[in-house]
PDB file of N, CA and C in Angstrom:
ATOM      1  N   MET A   1       0.891  -1.188  -0.082  1.00  0.00           N
ATOM      2  CA  MET A   1      -0.054   0.051   0.025  1.00  0.00           C
ATOM      3  C   MET A   1       0.805   1.237  -0.064  1.00  0.00           C
ATOM      4  N   GLY A   2       0.668   2.162  -0.921  1.00  0.00           N
ATOM      5  CA  GLY A   2       1.362   3.378  -0.943  1.00  0.00           C
ATOM      6  C   GLY A   2       0.964   4.343   0.031  1.00  0.00           C
ATOM      7  N   ILE A   3       1.704   5.502  -0.039  1.00  0.00           N
ATOM      8  CA  ILE A   3       1.502   6.697   0.917  1.00  0.00           C
ATOM      9  C   ILE A   3       0.235   7.372   0.196  1.00  0.00           C
ATOM     10  N   LYS A   4      -0.717   7.753   1.122  1.00  0.00           N
ATOM     11  CA  LYS A   4      -1.772   8.626   0.719  1.00  0.00           C
ATOM     12  C   LYS A   4      -1.364  10.072   0.786  1.00  0.00           C
ATOM     13  N   ARG A   5      -1.562  10.702  -0.419  1.00  0.00           N
ATOM     14  CA  ARG A   5      -1.268  12.180  -0.401  1.00  0.00           C
ATOM     15  C   ARG A   5      -2.489  12.974  -0.719  1.00  0.00           C
ATOM     16  N   SER A   6      -2.555  14.092  -0.348  1.00  0.00           N
ATOM     17  CA  SER A   6      -3.675  15.085  -0.620  1.00  0.00           C
ATOM     18  C   SER A   6      -3.537  15.388  -2.016  1.00  0.00           C
ATOM     19  N   PRO A   7      -4.895  15.778  -2.573  1.00  0.00           N
ATOM     20  CA  PRO A   7      -5.083  16.141  -4.090  1.00  0.00           C
ATOM     21  C   PRO A   7      -4.084  17.222  -4.376  1.00  0.00           C
ATOM     22  N   GLY A   8      -3.726  18.131  -3.476  1.00  0.00           N
ATOM     23  CA  GLY A   8      -2.911  19.232  -3.938  1.00  0.00           C
ATOM     24  C   GLY A   8      -1.354  19.022  -3.913  1.00  0.00           C
ATOM     25  N   HIS A   9      -1.182  17.686  -3.620  1.00  0.00           N
ATOM     26  CA  HIS A   9       0.407  17.314  -3.705  1.00  0.00           C
ATOM     27  C   HIS A   9       1.004  17.411  -5.024  1.00  0.00           C
ATOM     28  N   GLN A  10       0.147  16.911  -6.171  1.00  0.00           N
ATOM     29  CA  GLN A  10       0.825  17.018  -7.498  1.00  0.00           C
ATOM     30  C   GLN A  10       0.922  18.430  -7.922  1.00  0.00           C
ATOM     31  N   LEU A  11      -0.150  19.284  -7.553  1.00  0.00           N
ATOM     32  CA  LEU A  11      -0.170  20.847  -7.851  1.00  0.00           C
ATOM     33  C   LEU A  11       1.198  21.338  -7.183  1.00  0.00           C
ATOM     34  N   CYS A  12       1.487  21.109  -6.014  1.00  0.00           N
ATOM     35  CA  CYS A  12       2.543  21.736  -5.296  1.00  0.00           C
ATOM     36  C   CYS A  12       3.900  21.275  -6.079  1.00  0.00           C
ATOM     37  N   ARG A  13       3.924  20.036  -6.363  1.00  0.00           N
ATOM     38  CA  ARG A  13       5.181  19.530  -7.018  1.00  0.00           C
ATOM     39  C   ARG A  13       5.350  20.297  -8.521  1.00  0.00           C
ATOM     40  N   TRP A  14       4.144  20.538  -9.187  1.00  0.00           N
ATOM     41  CA  TRP A  14       4.151  21.279 -10.445  1.00  0.00           C
ATOM     42  C   TRP A  14       4.722  22.683 -10.169  1.00  0.00           C
ATOM     43  N   TYR A  15       4.309  23.452  -9.167  1.00  0.00           N
ATOM     44  CA  TYR A  15       4.703  24.777  -8.951  1.00  0.00           C
ATOM     45  C   TYR A  15       6.294  24.748  -8.579  1.00  0.00           C
ATOM     46  N   GLN A  16       6.657  23.781  -7.858  1.00  0.00           N
ATOM     47  CA  GLN A  16       8.136  23.786  -7.568  1.00  0.00           C
ATOM     48  C   GLN A  16       8.948  23.514  -8.833  1.00  0.00           C
ATOM     49  N   LYS A  17       8.342  22.695  -9.715  1.00  0.00           N
ATOM     50  CA  LYS A  17       9.185  22.382 -10.910  1.00  0.00           C
ATOM     51  C   LYS A  17       9.239  23.637 -11.811  1.00  0.00           C
ATOM     52  N   ILE A  18       8.205  24.460 -11.847  1.00  0.00           N
ATOM     53  CA  ILE A  18       8.256  25.687 -12.545  1.00  0.00           C
ATOM     54  C   ILE A  18       9.176  26.674 -12.037  1.00  0.00           C
ATOM     55  N   SER A  19       9.090  26.780 -10.718  1.00  0.00           N
ATOM     56  CA  SER A  19       9.952  27.707 -10.019  1.00  0.00           C
ATOM     57  C   SER A  19      11.545  27.319 -10.233  1.00  0.00           C
ATOM     58  N   PHE A  20      11.762  25.993 -10.187  1.00  0.00           N
ATOM     59  CA  PHE A  20      13.197  25.534 -10.383  1.00  0.00           C
ATOM     60  C   PHE A  20      13.547  25.811 -11.689  1.00  0.00           C
ATOM     61  N   GLU A  21      12.744  25.512 -12.705  1.00  0.00           N
ATOM     62  CA  GLU A  21      13.154  25.969 -14.175  1.00  0.00           C
ATOM     63  C   GLU A  21      13.431  27.402 -14.377  1.00  0.00           C
ATOM     64  N   GLN A  22      12.527  28.268 -13.732  1.00  0.00           N
ATOM     65  CA  GLN A  22      12.700  29.620 -13.920  1.00  0.00           C
ATOM     66  C   GLN A  22      13.981  30.215 -13.206  1.00  0.00           C
ATOM     67  N   ALA A  23      14.346  29.531 -12.099  1.00  0.00           N
ATOM     68  CA  ALA A  23      15.550  29.825 -11.483  1.00  0.00           C
ATOM     69  C   ALA A  23      16.755  29.540 -12.339  1.00  0.00           C
ATOM     70  N   ILE A  24      16.781  28.402 -13.023  1.00  0.00           N
ATOM     71  CA  ILE A  24      17.677  28.235 -14.101  1.00  0.00           C
ATOM     72  C   ILE A  24      17.858  29.125 -15.140  1.00  0.00           C
ATOM     73  N   ALA A  25      16.670  29.553 -15.666  1.00  0.00           N
ATOM     74  CA  ALA A  25      16.588  30.616 -16.591  1.00  0.00           C
ATOM     75  C   ALA A  25      17.189  31.975 -16.167  1.00  0.00           C
ATOM     76  N   ALA A  26      16.785  32.101 -14.868  1.00  0.00           N
ATOM     77  CA  ALA A  26      17.333  33.530 -14.416  1.00  0.00           C
ATOM     78  C   ALA A  26      18.674  33.556 -14.280  1.00  0.00           C
ATOM     79  N   ASN A  27      19.307  32.359 -13.740  1.00  0.00           N
ATOM     80  CA  ASN A  27      20.859  32.270 -13.785  1.00  0.00           C
ATOM     81  C   ASN A  27      21.559  32.244 -15.112  1.00  0.00           C
ATOM     82  N   ALA A  28      20.864  31.712 -16.022  1.00  0.00           N
ATOM     83  CA  ALA A  28      21.396  31.634 -17.574  1.00  0.00           C
ATOM     84  C   ALA A  28      21.359  32.987 -18.123  1.00  0.00           C
ATOM     85  N   THR A  29      20.364  33.832 -17.902  1.00  0.00           N
ATOM     86  CA  THR A  29      20.281  35.169 -18.529  1.00  0.00           C
ATOM     87  C   THR A  29      20.821  36.322 -17.712  1.00  0.00           C
ATOM     88  N   GLY A  30      21.357  35.956 -16.462  1.00  0.00           N
ATOM     89  CA  GLY A  30      21.711  37.049 -15.596  1.00  0.00           C
ATOM     90  C   GLY A  30      20.695  37.979 -14.878  1.00  0.00           C
ATOM     91  N   MET A  31      19.497  37.457 -15.118  1.00  0.00           N
ATOM     92  CA  MET A  31      18.364  38.042 -14.432  1.00  0.00           C
ATOM     93  C   MET A  31      18.264  37.479 -12.962  1.00  0.00           C
ATOM     94  N   THR A  32      17.148  38.066 -12.350  1.00  0.00           N
ATOM     95  CA  THR A  32      16.821  37.702 -11.058  1.00  0.00           C
ATOM     96  C   THR A  32      15.512  37.282 -10.849  1.00  0.00           C
ATOM     97  N   ILE A  33      14.940  37.076  -9.654  1.00  0.00           N
ATOM     98  CA  ILE A  33      13.527  36.910  -9.404  1.00  0.00           C
ATOM     99  C   ILE A  33      13.048  38.084  -8.663  1.00  0.00           C
ATOM    100  N   ALA A  34      11.698  38.511  -8.556  1.00  0.00           N
ATOM    101  CA  ALA A  34      11.266  39.532  -7.750  1.00  0.00           C
ATOM    102  C   ALA A  34      11.152  39.336  -6.230  1.00  0.00           C
ATOM    103  N   GLN A  35      11.084  38.082  -5.960  1.00  0.00           N
ATOM    104  CA  GLN A  35      11.034  37.665  -4.542  1.00  0.00           C
ATOM    105  C   GLN A  35      11.303  36.130  -4.413  1.00  0.00           C
ATOM    106  N   ARG A  36      11.618  35.693  -3.372  1.00  0.00           N
ATOM    107  CA  ARG A  36      11.774  34.109  -3.131  1.00  0.00           C
ATOM    108  C   ARG A  36      10.463  33.464  -3.524  1.00  0.00           C
ATOM    109  N   GLY A  37      10.563  32.558  -4.339  1.00  0.00           N
ATOM    110  CA  GLY A  37       9.324  31.658  -4.744  1.00  0.00           C
ATOM    111  C   GLY A  37       8.805  32.302  -5.946  1.00  0.00           C
ATOM    112  N   MET A  38       9.192  33.474  -6.329  1.00  0.00           N
ATOM    113  CA  MET A  38       8.739  34.186  -7.602  1.00  0.00           C
ATOM    114  C   MET A  38       7.324  34.754  -7.266  1.00  0.00           C
ATOM    115  N   LEU A  39       6.850  35.719  -8.211  1.00  0.00           N
ATOM    116  CA  LEU A  39       5.437  36.111  -8.013  1.00  0.00           C
ATOM    117  C   LEU A  39       4.349  35.039  -8.295  1.00  0.00           C
ATOM    118  N   GLY A  40       4.570  34.393  -9.448  1.00  0.00           N
ATOM    119  CA  GLY A  40       3.815  33.270  -9.905  1.00  0.00           C
ATOM    120  C   GLY A  40       2.286  33.528  -9.953  1.00  0.00           C
ATOM    121  N   TYR A  41       1.845  34.351 -10.721  1.00  0.00           N
ATOM    122  CA  TYR A  41       0.459  34.527 -10.780  1.00  0.00           C
ATOM    123  C   TYR A  41      -0.294  33.401 -11.386  1.00  0.00           C
ATOM    124  N   ASP A  42      -1.389  33.067 -10.768  1.00  0.00           N
ATOM    125  CA  ASP A  42      -2.276  31.780 -11.150  1.00  0.00           C
ATOM    126  C   ASP A  42      -3.376  32.395 -11.647  1.00  0.00           C
ATOM    127  N   PHE A  43      -3.839  32.371 -12.873  1.00  0.00           N
ATOM    128  CA  PHE A  43      -5.080  32.785 -13.519  1.00  0.00           C
ATOM    129  C   PHE A  43      -6.194  31.843 -13.454  1.00  0.00           C
ATOM    130  N   ARG A  44      -5.812  30.580 -13.055  1.00  0.00           N
ATOM    131  CA  ARG A  44      -6.766  29.545 -12.994  1.00  0.00           C
ATOM    132  C   ARG A  44      -7.444  29.762 -11.722  1.00  0.00           C
ATOM    133  N   LEU A  45      -6.913  30.050 -10.571  1.00  0.00           N
ATOM    134  CA  LEU A  45      -7.339  30.254  -9.218  1.00  0.00           C
ATOM    135  C   LEU A  45      -7.807  31.681  -8.902  1.00  0.00           C
ATOM    136  N   HIS A  46      -7.110  32.594  -9.544  1.00  0.00           N
ATOM    137  CA  HIS A  46      -7.293  34.055  -9.047  1.00  0.00           C
ATOM    138  C   HIS A  46      -7.579  35.098 -10.096  1.00  0.00           C
ATOM    139  N   LYS A  47      -8.112  34.603 -11.280  1.00  0.00           N
ATOM    140  CA  LYS A  47      -8.272  35.496 -12.471  1.00  0.00           C
ATOM    141  C   LYS A  47      -9.181  36.783 -12.147  1.00  0.00           C
ATOM    142  N   ASP A  48     -10.512  36.592 -11.446  1.00  0.00           N
ATOM    143  CA  ASP A  48     -11.289  37.662 -11.198  1.00  0.00           C
ATOM    144  C   ASP A  48     -10.606  38.620 -10.292  1.00  0.00           C
ATOM    145  N   GLU A  49      -9.949  38.047  -9.183  1.00  0.00           N
ATOM    146  CA  GLU A  49      -9.328  38.924  -8.247  1.00  0.00           C
ATOM    147  C   GLU A  49      -8.274  39.812  -8.790  1.00  0.00           C
ATOM    148  N   LEU A  50      -7.324  39.080  -9.708  1.00  0.00           N
ATOM    149  CA  LEU A  50      -6.227  39.902 -10.160  1.00  0.00           C
ATOM    150  C   LEU A  50      -6.678  40.844 -11.340  1.00  0.00           C
ATOM    151  N   VAL A  51      -7.741  40.616 -12.140  1.00  0.00           N
ATOM    152  CA  VAL A  51      -8.345  41.428 -12.968  1.00  0.00           C
ATOM    153  C   VAL A  51      -8.651  42.750 -12.383  1.00  0.00           C
ATOM    154  N   GLU A  52      -9.602  42.585 -11.375  1.00  0.00           N
ATOM    155  CA  GLU A  52     -10.024  43.706 -10.651  1.00  0.00           C
ATOM    156  C   GLU A  52      -9.186  44.468  -9.861  1.00  0.00           C
ATOM    157  N   LYS A  53      -8.048  43.654  -9.075  1.00  0.00           N
ATOM    158  CA  LYS A  53      -7.246  44.518  -8.321  1.00  0.00           C
ATOM    159  C   LYS A  53      -6.249  45.429  -9.340  1.00  0.00           C
ATOM    160  N   CYS A  54      -5.957  44.849 -10.280  1.00  0.00           N
ATOM    161  CA  CYS A  54      -5.013  45.559 -11.315  1.00  0.00           C
ATOM    162  C   CYS A  54      -5.569  46.230 -12.474  1.00  0.00           C
ATOM    163  N   ASN A  55      -6.827  46.284 -12.448  1.00  0.00           N
ATOM    164  CA  ASN A  55      -7.627  46.970 -13.522  1.00  0.00           C
ATOM    165  C   ASN A  55      -7.123  46.411 -14.926  1.00  0.00           C
ATOM    166  N   LEU A  56      -7.223  45.289 -15.116  1.00  0.00           N
ATOM    167  CA  LEU A  56      -6.654  44.607 -16.393  1.00  0.00           C
ATOM    168  C   LEU A  56      -7.709  44.431 -17.371  1.00  0.00           C
ATOM    169  N   ASN A  57      -7.386  44.617 -18.718  1.00  0.00           N
ATOM    170  CA  ASN A  57      -8.290  44.237 -19.842  1.00  0.00           C
ATOM    171  C   ASN A  57      -7.864  43.021 -20.334  1.00  0.00           C
ATOM    172  N   TYR A  58      -8.144  41.893 -19.741  1.00  0.00           N
ATOM    173  CA  TYR A  58      -7.621  40.532 -19.797  1.00  0.00           C
ATOM    174  C   TYR A  58      -8.386  39.662 -20.892  1.00  0.00           C
ATOM    175  N   THR A  59      -7.678  39.138 -21.839  1.00  0.00           N
ATOM    176  CA  THR A  59      -8.314  38.472 -23.027  1.00  0.00           C
ATOM    177  C   THR A  59      -7.731  37.123 -22.975  1.00  0.00           C
ATOM    178  N   GLY A  60      -6.808  36.713 -22.088  1.00  0.00           N
ATOM    179  CA  GLY A  60      -6.142  35.406 -21.961  1.00  0.00           C
ATOM    180  C   GLY A  60      -4.792  35.276 -22.517  1.00  0.00           C
ATOM    181  N   HIS A  61      -4.198  36.562 -22.998  1.00  0.00           N
ATOM    182  CA  HIS A  61      -2.851  36.612 -23.533  1.00  0.00           C
ATOM    183  C   HIS A  61      -2.015  37.176 -22.447  1.00  0.00           C
ATOM    184  N   VAL A  62      -0.816  36.786 -22.563  1.00  0.00           N
ATOM    185  CA  VAL A  62       0.308  37.260 -21.552  1.00  0.00           C
ATOM    186  C   VAL A  62       0.508  38.869 -21.720  1.00  0.00           C
ATOM    187  N   ASN A  63       0.397  39.239 -23.023  1.00  0.00           N
ATOM    188  CA  ASN A  63       0.546  40.730 -23.206  1.00  0.00           C
ATOM    189  C   ASN A  63      -0.360  41.668 -22.495  1.00  0.00           C
ATOM    190  N   ASP A  64      -1.577  41.052 -21.996  1.00  0.00           N
ATOM    191  CA  ASP A  64      -2.476  41.965 -21.285  1.00  0.00           C
ATOM    192  C   ASP A  64      -2.172  42.119 -19.775  1.00  0.00           C
ATOM    193  N   LEU A  65      -0.906  41.450 -19.436  1.00  0.00           N
ATOM    194  CA  LEU A  65      -0.758  41.408 -17.942  1.00  0.00           C
ATOM    195  C   LEU A  65       0.355  42.365 -17.408  1.00  0.00           C
ATOM    196  N   ALA A  66       0.924  43.226 -18.340  1.00  0.00           N
ATOM    197  CA  ALA A  66       1.954  44.103 -17.958  1.00  0.00           C
ATOM    198  C   ALA A  66       1.713  44.836 -16.748  1.00  0.00           C
ATOM    199  N   LYS A  67       0.513  45.204 -16.445  1.00  0.00           N
ATOM    200  CA  LYS A  67       0.259  45.931 -15.322  1.00  0.00           C
ATOM    201  C   LYS A  67       0.391  45.191 -13.949  1.00  0.00           C
ATOM    202  N   LEU A  68       0.760  43.858 -14.124  1.00  0.00           N
ATOM    203  CA  LEU A  68       0.825  43.159 -12.884  1.00  0.00           C
ATOM    204  C   LEU A  68       2.164  43.500 -12.237  1.00  0.00           C
ATOM    205  N   TYR A  69       3.144  43.945 -13.060  1.00  0.00           N
ATOM    206  CA  TYR A  69       4.530  44.122 -12.769  1.00  0.00           C
ATOM    207  C   TYR A  69       4.877  45.634 -12.443  1.00  0.00           C
ATOM    208  N   ASP A  70       5.679  45.973 -11.520  1.00  0.00           N
ATOM    209  CA  ASP A  70       6.093  47.180 -11.151  1.00  0.00           C
ATOM    210  C   ASP A  70       7.433  47.655 -12.043  1.00  0.00           C
ATOM    211  N   VAL A  71       7.139  48.533 -12.989  1.00  0.00           N
ATOM    212  CA  VAL A  71       8.206  48.899 -13.888  1.00  0.00           C
ATOM    213  C   VAL A  71       9.481  49.362 -13.279  1.00  0.00           C
ATOM    214  N   GLU A  72       9.287  50.090 -12.151  1.00  0.00           N
ATOM    215  CA  GLU A  72      10.586  50.655 -11.387  1.00  0.00           C
ATOM    216  C   GLU A  72      11.173  49.444 -10.850  1.00  0.00           C
ATOM    217  N   GLN A  73      10.575  48.521 -10.349  1.00  0.00           N
ATOM    218  CA  GLN A  73      11.232  47.277  -9.704  1.00  0.00           C
ATOM    219  C   GLN A  73      11.906  46.526 -10.787  1.00  0.00           C
ATOM    220  N   LEU A  74      11.397  46.420 -11.963  1.00  0.00           N
ATOM    221  CA  LEU A  74      11.990  45.696 -13.042  1.00  0.00           C
ATOM    222  C   LEU A  74      13.271  46.428 -13.507  1.00  0.00           C
ATOM    223  N   LYS A  75      13.201  47.787 -13.540  1.00  0.00           N
ATOM    224  CA  LYS A  75      14.347  48.504 -13.855  1.00  0.00           C
ATOM    225  C   LYS A  75      15.541  48.339 -12.834  1.00  0.00           C
ATOM    226  N   GLU A  76      15.086  48.439 -11.527  1.00  0.00           N
ATOM    227  CA  GLU A  76      16.042  48.212 -10.407  1.00  0.00           C
ATOM    228  C   GLU A  76      16.687  46.956 -10.459  1.00  0.00           C
ATOM    229  N   LEU A  77      15.927  45.895 -10.920  1.00  0.00           N
ATOM    230  CA  LEU A  77      16.394  44.488 -10.776  1.00  0.00           C
ATOM    231  C   LEU A  77      17.296  44.096 -12.042  1.00  0.00           C
ATOM    232  N   GLY A  78      17.025  44.908 -13.170  1.00  0.00           N
ATOM    233  CA  GLY A  78      17.574  44.611 -14.306  1.00  0.00           C
ATOM    234  C   GLY A  78      16.712  43.482 -15.191  1.00  0.00           C
ATOM    235  N   GLY A  79      15.577  43.447 -14.911  1.00  0.00           N
ATOM    236  CA  GLY A  79      14.579  42.283 -15.388  1.00  0.00           C
ATOM    237  C   GLY A  79      14.503  41.223 -14.550  1.00  0.00           C
ATOM    238  N   ILE A  80      13.314  40.548 -14.611  1.00  0.00           N
ATOM    239  CA  ILE A  80      13.153  39.378 -13.718  1.00  0.00           C
ATOM    240  C   ILE A  80      12.659  38.294 -14.512  1.00  0.00           C
ATOM    241  N   VAL A  81      12.642  37.091 -13.874  1.00  0.00           N
ATOM    242  CA  VAL A  81      12.179  35.717 -14.554  1.00  0.00           C
ATOM    243  C   VAL A  81      10.968  35.510 -13.524  1.00  0.00           C
ATOM    244  N   ASP A  82       9.913  35.162 -14.157  1.00  0.00           N
ATOM    245  CA  ASP A  82       8.690  34.808 -13.367  1.00  0.00           C
ATOM    246  C   ASP A  82       7.694  33.915 -14.231  1.00  0.00           C
ATOM    247  N   TYR A  83       6.679  33.387 -13.711  1.00  0.00           N
ATOM    248  CA  TYR A  83       5.745  32.605 -14.372  1.00  0.00           C
ATOM    249  C   TYR A  83       4.357  33.021 -14.096  1.00  0.00           C
ATOM    250  N   ILE A  84       3.533  32.695 -15.071  1.00  0.00           N
ATOM    251  CA  ILE A  84       2.111  33.065 -15.015  1.00  0.00           C
ATOM    252  C   ILE A  84       1.403  31.875 -15.522  1.00  0.00           C
ATOM    253  N   ILE A  85       0.461  31.310 -14.781  1.00  0.00           N
ATOM    254  CA  ILE A  85      -0.284  30.105 -15.064  1.00  0.00           C
ATOM    255  C   ILE A  85      -1.615  30.456 -15.723  1.00  0.00           C
ATOM    256  N   VAL A  86      -1.983  29.599 -16.831  1.00  0.00           N
ATOM    257  CA  VAL A  86      -3.136  29.708 -17.620  1.00  0.00           C
ATOM    258  C   VAL A  86      -3.279  31.084 -18.376  1.00  0.00           C
ATOM    259  N   VAL A  87      -2.308  31.249 -19.207  1.00  0.00           N
ATOM    260  CA  VAL A  87      -2.321  32.398 -20.170  1.00  0.00           C
ATOM    261  C   VAL A  87      -1.887  31.821 -21.580  1.00  0.00           C
ATOM    262  N   LYS A  88      -2.122  32.578 -22.542  1.00  0.00           N
ATOM    263  CA  LYS A  88      -1.640  32.171 -23.891  1.00  0.00           C
ATOM    264  C   LYS A  88      -0.538  33.131 -24.316  1.00  0.00           C
ATOM    265  N   PRO A  89       0.512  32.688 -24.951  1.00  0.00           N
ATOM    266  CA  PRO A  89       0.732  31.269 -25.304  1.00  0.00           C
ATOM    267  C   PRO A  89       1.184  30.470 -24.066  1.00  0.00           C
ATOM    268  N   GLY A  90       0.907  29.152 -24.033  1.00  0.00           N
ATOM    269  CA  GLY A  90       1.350  28.421 -22.909  1.00  0.00           C
ATOM    270  C   GLY A  90       2.846  27.962 -23.066  1.00  0.00           C
ATOM    271  N   PRO A  91       3.339  27.241 -22.029  1.00  0.00           N
ATOM    272  CA  PRO A  91       2.797  26.939 -20.594  1.00  0.00           C
ATOM    273  C   PRO A  91       2.780  28.095 -19.655  1.00  0.00           C
ATOM    274  N   GLY A  92       3.599  29.190 -19.854  1.00  0.00           N
ATOM    275  CA  GLY A  92       3.440  30.332 -18.990  1.00  0.00           C
ATOM    276  C   GLY A  92       4.531  30.739 -18.313  1.00  0.00           C
ATOM    277  N   ALA A  93       5.779  30.400 -18.730  1.00  0.00           N
ATOM    278  CA  ALA A  93       6.978  30.879 -18.199  1.00  0.00           C
ATOM    279  C   ALA A  93       7.592  32.029 -18.939  1.00  0.00           C
ATOM    280  N   PHE A  94       7.812  33.137 -18.346  1.00  0.00           N
ATOM    281  CA  PHE A  94       8.114  34.332 -19.167  1.00  0.00           C
ATOM    282  C   PHE A  94       9.207  35.159 -18.433  1.00  0.00           C
ATOM    283  N   LYS A  95       9.989  36.000 -19.102  1.00  0.00           N
ATOM    284  CA  LYS A  95      10.986  36.903 -18.760  1.00  0.00           C
ATOM    285  C   LYS A  95      10.339  38.307 -18.881  1.00  0.00           C
ATOM    286  N   ALA A  96      10.409  38.995 -17.767  1.00  0.00           N
ATOM    287  CA  ALA A  96       9.880  40.435 -17.749  1.00  0.00           C
ATOM    288  C   ALA A  96      11.223  41.371 -17.788  1.00  0.00           C
ATOM    289  N   LEU A  97      11.280  42.106 -18.788  1.00  0.00           N
ATOM    290  CA  LEU A  97      12.378  42.919 -19.090  1.00  0.00           C
ATOM    291  C   LEU A  97      12.145  44.382 -18.900  1.00  0.00           C
TER     292      LEU A  97
END
Protein backbone atom coordinates (compact mmCIF):
# COMPACT_ATOMS: atom_id res chain seq x y z
CA MET A 1 0.00 0.00 0.00
CA GLY A 2 1.38 3.40 -1.01
CA ILE A 3 1.45 6.64 0.91
CA LYS A 4 -1.82 8.60 0.70
CA ARG A 5 -1.28 12.14 -0.51
CA SER A 6 -3.59 15.10 -0.60
CA PRO A 7 -5.03 16.16 -3.99
CA GLY A 8 -2.89 19.30 -3.85
CA HIS A 9 0.33 17.28 -3.66
CA GLN A 10 0.72 17.02 -7.45
CA LEU A 11 -0.06 20.73 -7.89
CA CYS A 12 2.57 21.65 -5.31
CA ARG A 13 5.16 19.56 -7.15
CA TRP A 14 4.20 21.30 -10.41
CA TYR A 15 4.71 24.77 -8.91
CA GLN A 16 8.08 23.68 -7.52
CA LYS A 17 9.11 22.39 -10.96
CA ILE A 18 8.20 25.69 -12.64
CA SER A 19 10.03 27.69 -9.96
CA PHE A 20 13.13 25.53 -10.33
CA GLU A 21 13.11 25.85 -14.13
CA GLN A 22 12.72 29.62 -13.93
CA ALA A 23 15.55 29.88 -11.40
CA ILE A 24 17.76 28.16 -13.96
CA ALA A 25 16.55 30.61 -16.65
CA ALA A 26 17.31 33.53 -14.32
CA ASN A 27 20.84 32.27 -13.71
CA ALA A 28 21.42 31.65 -17.43
CA THR A 29 20.25 35.14 -18.48
CA GLY A 30 21.83 37.05 -15.60
CA MET A 31 18.39 38.12 -14.41
CA THR A 32 16.93 37.60 -10.99
CA ILE A 33 13.53 36.98 -9.42
CA ALA A 34 11.26 39.58 -7.80
CA GLN A 35 10.97 37.66 -4.53
CA ARG A 36 11.78 34.26 -3.13
CA GLY A 37 9.41 31.75 -4.73
CA MET A 38 8.72 34.26 -7.53
CA LEU A 39 5.46 36.14 -7.95
CA GLY A 40 3.88 33.27 -9.86
CA TYR A 41 0.45 34.60 -10.79
CA ASP A 42 -2.16 31.84 -11.18
CA PHE A 43 -5.02 32.89 -13.43
CA ARG A 44 -6.73 29.55 -12.99
CA LEU A 45 -7.40 30.25 -9.31
CA HIS A 46 -7.28 34.06 -9.02
CA LYS A 47 -8.33 35.47 -12.41
CA ASP A 48 -11.23 37.65 -11.21
CA GLU A 49 -9.29 38.95 -8.21
CA LEU A 50 -6.23 39.88 -10.30
CA VAL A 51 -8.28 41.50 -13.09
CA GLU A 52 -10.14 43.68 -10.58
CA LYS A 53 -7.14 44.50 -8.38
CA CYS A 54 -4.90 45.53 -11.28
CA ASN A 55 -7.62 46.96 -13.56
CA LEU A 56 -6.68 44.58 -16.38
CA ASN A 57 -8.29 44.25 -19.80
CA TYR A 58 -7.65 40.51 -19.84
CA THR A 59 -8.28 38.49 -23.01
CA GLY A 60 -6.21 35.48 -21.98
CA HIS A 61 -2.92 36.59 -23.55
CA VAL A 62 0.22 37.29 -21.54
CA ASN A 63 0.59 40.74 -23.17
CA ASP A 64 -2.51 41.87 -21.25
CA LEU A 65 -0.71 41.38 -17.95
CA ALA A 66 1.99 44.07 -18.07
CA LYS A 67 0.21 45.99 -15.27
CA LEU A 68 0.92 43.13 -12.85
CA TYR A 69 4.57 44.16 -12.68
CA ASP A 70 6.12 47.24 -11.14
CA VAL A 71 8.19 48.87 -13.90
CA GLU A 72 10.48 50.62 -11.40
CA GLN A 73 11.21 47.30 -9.68
CA LEU A 74 11.98 45.70 -13.05
CA LYS A 75 14.41 48.53 -13.89
CA GLU A 76 16.04 48.31 -10.47
CA LEU A 77 16.52 44.54 -10.73
CA GLY A 78 17.59 44.58 -14.40
CA GLY A 79 14.66 42.37 -15.44
CA ILE A 80 13.12 39.39 -13.71
CA VAL A 81 12.18 35.83 -14.50
CA ASP A 82 8.68 34.81 -13.38
CA TYR A 83 5.80 32.55 -14.36
CA ILE A 84 2.12 33.04 -15.01
CA ILE A 85 -0.25 30.09 -15.11
CA VAL A 86 -3.13 29.72 -17.59
CA VAL A 87 -2.33 32.36 -20.20
CA LYS A 88 -1.63 32.22 -23.92
CA PRO A 89 0.83 31.28 -25.27
CA GLY A 90 1.34 28.38 -22.87
CA PRO A 91 2.80 26.96 -20.75
CA GLY A 92 3.39 30.27 -19.00
CA ALA A 93 7.04 30.86 -18.13
CA PHE A 94 8.15 34.36 -19.13
CA LYS A 95 10.94 36.87 -18.65
CA ALA A 96 9.90 40.40 -17.75
CA LEU A 97 12.40 42.92 -19.09
